[in-house]
């Protein structure tokens, strides 16, 4: 079912606002497609102006920044997610989620549902166990 990003129907006082036009295509939203841990699957979506958005449906690779340098590492699982505690159980990756990688824990800084990739920063306190190649 289509989601709509429409202006409010009520004023802050509680009075109703008269409708002054019909729904337009640019006011449509879209359903939430969660990014899960698994084999990489990316979906292309047309955005406004004909540009493209890449929606990561699932991924198992993250670019982790360690001491200013990026390493491509494998994602093992999601350990913490302040957005929703149920996302940890379902292994859903969002911005701000803490993921377990091969080199340790990392916090996601990108939006995988908007950009199609997972960028993260290494969380202090965990040791880097993998050697650089």
N, C-alpha and C. Protein backbone atom coordinates (compact mmCIF):
# COMPACT_ATOMS: atom_id res chain seq x y z
N UNK A 1 0.83 -1.17 0.00
CA UNK A 1 0.00 0.00 0.00
C UNK A 1 0.89 1.25 0.00
N UNK A 2 0.50 2.25 -0.75
CA UNK A 2 1.29 3.46 -0.88
C UNK A 2 1.28 4.27 0.41
N UNK A 3 2.45 4.81 0.77
CA UNK A 3 2.55 5.68 1.93
C UNK A 3 2.62 7.12 1.41
N UNK A 4 2.04 8.05 2.15
CA UNK A 4 1.99 9.44 1.72
C UNK A 4 2.69 10.34 2.73
N UNK A 5 3.44 11.32 2.22
CA UNK A 5 4.10 12.33 3.03
C UNK A 5 3.31 13.63 2.87
N UNK A 6 2.14 13.70 3.49
CA UNK A 6 1.24 14.82 3.32
C UNK A 6 1.35 15.80 4.48
N UNK A 7 0.92 17.08 4.25
CA UNK A 7 0.89 18.03 5.36
C UNK A 7 -0.16 17.62 6.38
N UNK A 8 -0.06 18.13 7.60
CA UNK A 8 -1.01 17.72 8.64
C UNK A 8 -2.44 18.15 8.33
N UNK A 9 -3.40 17.40 8.88
CA UNK A 9 -4.82 17.71 8.68
C UNK A 9 -5.35 18.62 9.79
N UNK A 10 -4.57 18.78 10.87
CA UNK A 10 -5.02 19.58 12.01
C UNK A 10 -3.98 20.65 12.34
N UNK A 11 -4.48 21.79 12.84
CA UNK A 11 -3.60 22.83 13.36
C UNK A 11 -3.14 22.43 14.76
N UNK A 12 -2.20 23.19 15.32
CA UNK A 12 -1.74 22.89 16.68
C UNK A 12 -2.85 23.12 17.70
N UNK A 13 -3.82 23.96 17.35
CA UNK A 13 -4.95 24.20 18.26
C UNK A 13 -5.97 23.07 18.23
N UNK A 14 -5.90 22.23 17.20
CA UNK A 14 -6.86 21.14 17.07
C UNK A 14 -7.87 21.39 15.98
N UNK A 15 -7.90 22.60 15.43
CA UNK A 15 -8.83 22.92 14.35
C UNK A 15 -8.41 22.21 13.07
N UNK A 16 -9.39 21.86 12.24
CA UNK A 16 -9.08 21.19 10.99
C UNK A 16 -8.64 22.19 9.93
N UNK A 17 -7.71 21.76 9.06
CA UNK A 17 -7.23 22.58 7.96
C UNK A 17 -7.98 22.14 6.71
N UNK A 18 -8.49 23.09 5.95
CA UNK A 18 -9.20 22.76 4.71
C UNK A 18 -8.22 22.21 3.68
N UNK A 19 -8.63 21.17 2.99
CA UNK A 19 -7.81 20.57 1.95
C UNK A 19 -7.84 21.50 0.74
N UNK A 20 -6.68 21.83 0.19
CA UNK A 20 -6.63 22.78 -0.90
C UNK A 20 -6.05 22.20 -2.19
N UNK A 21 -6.01 20.90 -2.29
CA UNK A 21 -5.50 20.29 -3.52
C UNK A 21 -5.52 18.79 -3.41
N UNK A 22 -5.20 18.14 -4.52
CA UNK A 22 -5.18 16.68 -4.53
C UNK A 22 -3.78 16.17 -4.18
N UNK A 23 -3.68 14.86 -4.02
CA UNK A 23 -2.39 14.24 -3.76
C UNK A 23 -1.54 14.31 -5.03
N UNK A 24 -0.25 14.56 -4.86
CA UNK A 24 0.68 14.62 -5.98
C UNK A 24 1.70 13.51 -5.88
N UNK A 25 2.30 13.17 -7.00
CA UNK A 25 3.24 12.05 -7.04
C UNK A 25 4.45 12.31 -6.13
N UNK A 26 4.89 13.56 -6.05
CA UNK A 26 6.08 13.86 -5.24
C UNK A 26 5.81 13.72 -3.75
N UNK A 27 4.55 13.59 -3.35
CA UNK A 27 4.22 13.42 -1.94
C UNK A 27 4.17 11.96 -1.51
N UNK A 28 4.40 11.06 -2.47
CA UNK A 28 4.39 9.63 -2.13
C UNK A 28 5.66 9.24 -1.39
N UNK A 29 5.53 8.36 -0.42
CA UNK A 29 6.68 7.79 0.26
C UNK A 29 6.87 6.37 -0.25
N UNK A 30 7.66 5.58 0.48
CA UNK A 30 7.81 4.17 0.12
C UNK A 30 7.94 3.34 1.37
N UNK A 31 7.69 2.05 1.24
CA UNK A 31 7.77 1.15 2.38
C UNK A 31 9.22 0.99 2.82
N UNK A 32 9.41 0.70 4.10
CA UNK A 32 10.73 0.48 4.67
C UNK A 32 11.23 -0.89 4.24
N UNK A 33 12.41 -0.93 3.63
CA UNK A 33 13.05 -2.18 3.23
C UNK A 33 14.28 -2.36 4.11
N UNK A 34 14.21 -3.21 5.12
CA UNK A 34 15.33 -3.34 6.05
C UNK A 34 16.54 -4.03 5.42
N UNK A 35 17.74 -3.57 5.80
CA UNK A 35 18.98 -4.18 5.34
C UNK A 35 19.38 -5.25 6.34
N UNK A 36 19.47 -6.49 5.87
CA UNK A 36 19.81 -7.61 6.74
C UNK A 36 21.23 -8.09 6.47
N UNK A 37 21.75 -8.90 7.38
CA UNK A 37 23.07 -9.51 7.20
C UNK A 37 22.89 -10.76 6.36
N UNK A 38 23.59 -10.84 5.24
CA UNK A 38 23.49 -11.98 4.34
C UNK A 38 24.18 -11.68 3.03
N UNK A 39 23.96 -12.55 2.05
CA UNK A 39 24.56 -12.36 0.73
C UNK A 39 24.10 -11.02 0.15
N UNK A 40 25.01 -10.29 -0.49
CA UNK A 40 24.73 -8.93 -0.95
C UNK A 40 23.66 -8.91 -2.04
N UNK A 41 22.58 -8.16 -1.76
CA UNK A 41 21.51 -7.92 -2.73
C UNK A 41 21.19 -6.44 -2.68
N UNK A 42 21.25 -5.77 -3.85
CA UNK A 42 21.00 -4.34 -3.94
C UNK A 42 19.90 -4.07 -4.95
N UNK A 43 18.99 -3.16 -4.60
CA UNK A 43 17.86 -2.83 -5.47
C UNK A 43 17.99 -1.37 -5.91
N UNK A 44 17.76 -1.10 -7.20
CA UNK A 44 17.77 0.26 -7.73
C UNK A 44 16.38 0.84 -7.64
N UNK A 45 16.27 2.08 -7.15
CA UNK A 45 14.99 2.77 -7.07
C UNK A 45 15.15 4.14 -7.72
N UNK A 46 14.16 4.52 -8.53
CA UNK A 46 14.19 5.83 -9.17
C UNK A 46 13.80 6.88 -8.14
N UNK A 47 14.62 7.92 -8.03
CA UNK A 47 14.35 9.02 -7.11
C UNK A 47 13.88 10.24 -7.90
N UNK A 48 13.56 11.29 -7.21
CA UNK A 48 13.07 12.50 -7.86
C UNK A 48 14.12 13.08 -8.79
N UNK A 49 13.71 13.50 -9.97
CA UNK A 49 14.62 14.06 -10.96
C UNK A 49 15.27 12.99 -11.81
N UNK A 50 14.85 11.74 -11.67
CA UNK A 50 15.42 10.66 -12.47
C UNK A 50 16.69 10.07 -11.91
N UNK A 51 17.17 10.58 -10.77
CA UNK A 51 18.38 10.01 -10.17
C UNK A 51 18.05 8.66 -9.54
N UNK A 52 19.07 7.92 -9.18
CA UNK A 52 18.88 6.57 -8.65
C UNK A 52 19.28 6.51 -7.18
N UNK A 53 18.56 5.69 -6.43
CA UNK A 53 18.94 5.34 -5.06
C UNK A 53 19.21 3.86 -5.04
N UNK A 54 20.27 3.48 -4.33
CA UNK A 54 20.59 2.07 -4.16
C UNK A 54 20.13 1.64 -2.78
N UNK A 55 19.23 0.67 -2.72
CA UNK A 55 18.73 0.16 -1.46
C UNK A 55 19.35 -1.21 -1.22
N UNK A 56 20.13 -1.33 -0.15
CA UNK A 56 20.75 -2.60 0.20
C UNK A 56 19.72 -3.45 0.93
N UNK A 57 19.27 -4.53 0.29
CA UNK A 57 18.32 -5.44 0.93
C UNK A 57 19.05 -6.36 1.91
N UNK A 58 20.26 -6.78 1.54
CA UNK A 58 21.11 -7.56 2.44
C UNK A 58 22.56 -7.35 2.03
N UNK A 59 23.45 -7.44 3.00
CA UNK A 59 24.88 -7.29 2.74
C UNK A 59 25.66 -8.01 3.83
N UNK A 60 26.87 -8.44 3.50
CA UNK A 60 27.74 -9.08 4.47
C UNK A 60 29.14 -8.45 4.46
N UNK A 61 29.26 -7.24 3.86
CA UNK A 61 30.53 -6.55 3.76
C UNK A 61 30.38 -5.12 4.28
N UNK A 62 31.39 -4.66 5.03
CA UNK A 62 31.38 -3.28 5.54
C UNK A 62 32.76 -2.67 5.33
N UNK A 63 32.77 -1.37 5.07
CA UNK A 63 34.01 -0.60 5.00
C UNK A 63 34.22 0.03 6.37
N UNK A 64 35.21 -0.47 7.11
CA UNK A 64 35.43 -0.03 8.48
C UNK A 64 36.66 0.87 8.55
N UNK A 65 36.51 2.05 9.13
CA UNK A 65 37.61 2.99 9.29
C UNK A 65 38.34 2.67 10.60
N UNK A 66 39.64 2.32 10.46
CA UNK A 66 40.48 2.04 11.62
C UNK A 66 41.69 2.96 11.53
N UNK A 67 41.81 3.87 12.50
CA UNK A 67 42.91 4.84 12.53
C UNK A 67 43.02 5.63 11.23
N UNK A 68 41.90 6.04 10.66
CA UNK A 68 41.89 6.86 9.46
C UNK A 68 42.01 6.10 8.16
N UNK A 69 42.18 4.78 8.20
CA UNK A 69 42.28 3.98 6.99
C UNK A 69 41.14 2.98 6.94
N UNK A 70 40.59 2.79 5.76
CA UNK A 70 39.44 1.90 5.60
C UNK A 70 39.87 0.47 5.27
N UNK A 71 39.18 -0.48 5.88
CA UNK A 71 39.37 -1.90 5.59
C UNK A 71 38.03 -2.51 5.22
N UNK A 72 38.04 -3.33 4.19
CA UNK A 72 36.82 -4.03 3.79
C UNK A 72 36.77 -5.33 4.59
N UNK A 73 35.74 -5.46 5.45
CA UNK A 73 35.65 -6.63 6.31
C UNK A 73 34.27 -7.28 6.21
N UNK A 74 34.21 -8.51 6.67
CA UNK A 74 32.96 -9.27 6.64
C UNK A 74 32.15 -8.99 7.90
N UNK A 75 30.84 -8.80 7.72
CA UNK A 75 29.94 -8.58 8.85
C UNK A 75 29.49 -9.94 9.38
N UNK A 76 29.62 -10.13 10.69
CA UNK A 76 29.21 -11.40 11.31
C UNK A 76 27.78 -11.30 11.86
N UNK A 77 27.48 -10.21 12.60
CA UNK A 77 26.13 -10.04 13.16
C UNK A 77 25.96 -8.61 13.65
N UNK A 78 24.73 -8.30 14.08
CA UNK A 78 24.43 -7.01 14.69
C UNK A 78 24.39 -7.23 16.20
N UNK A 79 25.16 -6.43 16.96
CA UNK A 79 25.22 -6.62 18.41
C UNK A 79 24.40 -5.60 19.18
N UNK A 80 24.21 -4.39 18.63
CA UNK A 80 23.43 -3.37 19.32
C UNK A 80 22.83 -2.42 18.29
N UNK A 81 21.59 -1.96 18.55
CA UNK A 81 20.95 -1.01 17.66
C UNK A 81 20.08 -0.08 18.49
N UNK A 82 20.51 1.19 18.66
CA UNK A 82 19.71 2.11 19.47
C UNK A 82 18.38 2.50 18.83
N UNK A 83 18.23 2.30 17.52
CA UNK A 83 16.98 2.65 16.85
C UNK A 83 15.85 1.73 17.29
N UNK A 84 16.14 0.44 17.42
CA UNK A 84 15.11 -0.53 17.79
C UNK A 84 15.80 -1.79 18.32
N UNK A 85 15.45 -2.22 19.51
CA UNK A 85 16.10 -3.40 20.09
C UNK A 85 15.74 -4.69 19.33
N UNK A 86 14.60 -4.70 18.63
CA UNK A 86 14.21 -5.88 17.87
C UNK A 86 15.08 -6.07 16.63
N UNK A 87 15.73 -4.99 16.15
CA UNK A 87 16.61 -5.08 14.98
C UNK A 87 17.82 -5.96 15.26
N UNK A 88 18.25 -6.03 16.52
CA UNK A 88 19.40 -6.87 16.88
C UNK A 88 19.04 -8.33 16.66
N UNK A 89 17.87 -8.72 17.12
CA UNK A 89 17.42 -10.11 16.99
C UNK A 89 17.24 -10.50 15.53
N UNK A 90 16.79 -9.54 14.71
CA UNK A 90 16.52 -9.82 13.30
C UNK A 90 17.71 -9.53 12.39
N UNK A 91 18.86 -9.10 12.97
CA UNK A 91 20.08 -8.76 12.22
C UNK A 91 19.82 -7.69 11.16
N UNK A 92 19.14 -6.61 11.55
CA UNK A 92 18.86 -5.50 10.63
C UNK A 92 19.86 -4.39 10.89
N UNK A 93 20.49 -3.91 9.80
CA UNK A 93 21.52 -2.88 9.89
C UNK A 93 20.91 -1.52 9.56
N UNK A 94 21.07 -0.55 10.47
CA UNK A 94 20.67 0.83 10.23
C UNK A 94 21.82 1.73 10.66
N UNK A 95 21.70 3.02 10.37
CA UNK A 95 22.72 3.97 10.82
C UNK A 95 22.74 3.99 12.34
N UNK A 96 23.92 3.90 12.93
CA UNK A 96 24.06 3.90 14.38
C UNK A 96 24.14 2.52 14.99
N UNK A 97 23.86 1.49 14.20
CA UNK A 97 23.91 0.12 14.71
C UNK A 97 25.36 -0.29 14.97
N UNK A 98 25.58 -1.10 15.99
CA UNK A 98 26.90 -1.64 16.28
C UNK A 98 26.94 -3.06 15.71
N UNK A 99 27.90 -3.29 14.80
CA UNK A 99 28.01 -4.59 14.14
C UNK A 99 29.28 -5.30 14.57
N UNK A 100 29.22 -6.61 14.56
CA UNK A 100 30.39 -7.44 14.85
C UNK A 100 31.02 -7.81 13.52
N UNK A 101 32.29 -7.44 13.34
CA UNK A 101 33.01 -7.76 12.10
C UNK A 101 34.19 -8.68 12.42
N UNK A 102 34.93 -9.05 11.39
CA UNK A 102 36.09 -9.92 11.59
C UNK A 102 37.19 -9.23 12.39
N UNK A 103 37.25 -7.89 12.34
CA UNK A 103 38.30 -7.17 13.07
C UNK A 103 37.82 -6.63 14.41
N UNK A 104 36.55 -6.78 14.72
CA UNK A 104 36.00 -6.30 15.99
C UNK A 104 34.69 -5.57 15.78
N UNK A 105 34.29 -4.84 16.81
CA UNK A 105 33.01 -4.11 16.74
C UNK A 105 33.19 -2.79 16.02
N UNK A 106 32.13 -2.41 15.27
CA UNK A 106 32.14 -1.15 14.53
C UNK A 106 30.74 -0.55 14.56
N UNK A 107 30.68 0.80 14.50
CA UNK A 107 29.40 1.52 14.48
C UNK A 107 29.14 2.03 13.08
N UNK A 108 27.95 1.74 12.55
CA UNK A 108 27.59 2.10 11.17
C UNK A 108 27.37 3.61 11.08
N UNK A 109 28.00 4.24 10.07
CA UNK A 109 27.87 5.68 9.87
C UNK A 109 27.09 6.01 8.60
N UNK A 110 26.90 5.06 7.71
CA UNK A 110 26.16 5.32 6.48
C UNK A 110 24.71 4.86 6.63
N UNK A 111 23.90 5.16 5.63
CA UNK A 111 22.50 4.73 5.62
C UNK A 111 22.34 3.68 4.52
N UNK A 112 22.42 2.39 4.85
CA UNK A 112 22.39 1.35 3.83
C UNK A 112 21.11 1.32 3.01
N UNK A 113 20.00 1.78 3.58
CA UNK A 113 18.74 1.82 2.85
C UNK A 113 18.66 2.95 1.85
N UNK A 114 19.61 3.89 1.90
CA UNK A 114 19.62 5.03 0.99
C UNK A 114 20.80 4.98 0.02
N UNK A 115 21.95 4.45 0.47
CA UNK A 115 23.17 4.48 -0.33
C UNK A 115 23.58 3.12 -0.88
N UNK A 116 23.13 2.04 -0.25
CA UNK A 116 23.44 0.70 -0.74
C UNK A 116 24.74 0.12 -0.23
N UNK A 117 25.49 0.86 0.60
CA UNK A 117 26.73 0.35 1.16
C UNK A 117 26.74 0.56 2.66
N UNK A 118 27.60 -0.17 3.36
CA UNK A 118 27.73 -0.04 4.81
C UNK A 118 29.12 0.49 5.12
N UNK A 119 29.18 1.72 5.62
CA UNK A 119 30.42 2.30 6.12
C UNK A 119 30.33 2.33 7.63
N UNK A 120 31.45 2.10 8.30
CA UNK A 120 31.44 2.06 9.76
C UNK A 120 32.76 2.56 10.31
N UNK A 121 32.74 2.93 11.58
CA UNK A 121 33.97 3.31 12.28
C UNK A 121 34.23 2.29 13.38
N UNK A 122 35.50 2.00 13.56
CA UNK A 122 35.92 1.03 14.57
C UNK A 122 35.60 1.56 15.95
N UNK A 123 35.01 0.74 16.81
CA UNK A 123 34.66 1.15 18.17
C UNK A 123 35.86 0.88 19.08
N UNK A 124 36.26 1.91 19.80
CA UNK A 124 37.39 1.77 20.71
C UNK A 124 37.06 0.75 21.80
N UNK A 125 38.07 0.09 22.30
CA UNK A 125 37.85 -0.91 23.34
C UNK A 125 37.94 -2.32 22.79
N UNK A 126 37.70 -2.47 21.50
CA UNK A 126 37.85 -3.78 20.86
C UNK A 126 39.19 -3.80 20.16
N UNK A 127 39.86 -4.92 20.16
CA UNK A 127 41.19 -4.99 19.55
C UNK A 127 41.11 -5.41 18.09
N UNK A 128 42.03 -4.89 17.29
CA UNK A 128 42.09 -5.25 15.87
C UNK A 128 42.84 -6.58 15.79
N UNK A 129 42.12 -7.65 15.42
CA UNK A 129 42.74 -8.96 15.39
C UNK A 129 43.22 -9.35 14.00
N UNK A 130 42.62 -8.78 12.96
CA UNK A 130 43.01 -9.14 11.60
C UNK A 130 44.19 -8.30 11.16
N UNK A 131 45.10 -8.92 10.43
CA UNK A 131 46.26 -8.20 9.91
C UNK A 131 45.91 -7.52 8.61
N UNK A 132 46.55 -6.39 8.35
CA UNK A 132 46.31 -5.67 7.09
C UNK A 132 46.98 -6.44 5.96
N UNK A 133 46.28 -6.45 4.81
CA UNK A 133 46.83 -7.17 3.66
C UNK A 133 47.62 -6.25 2.77
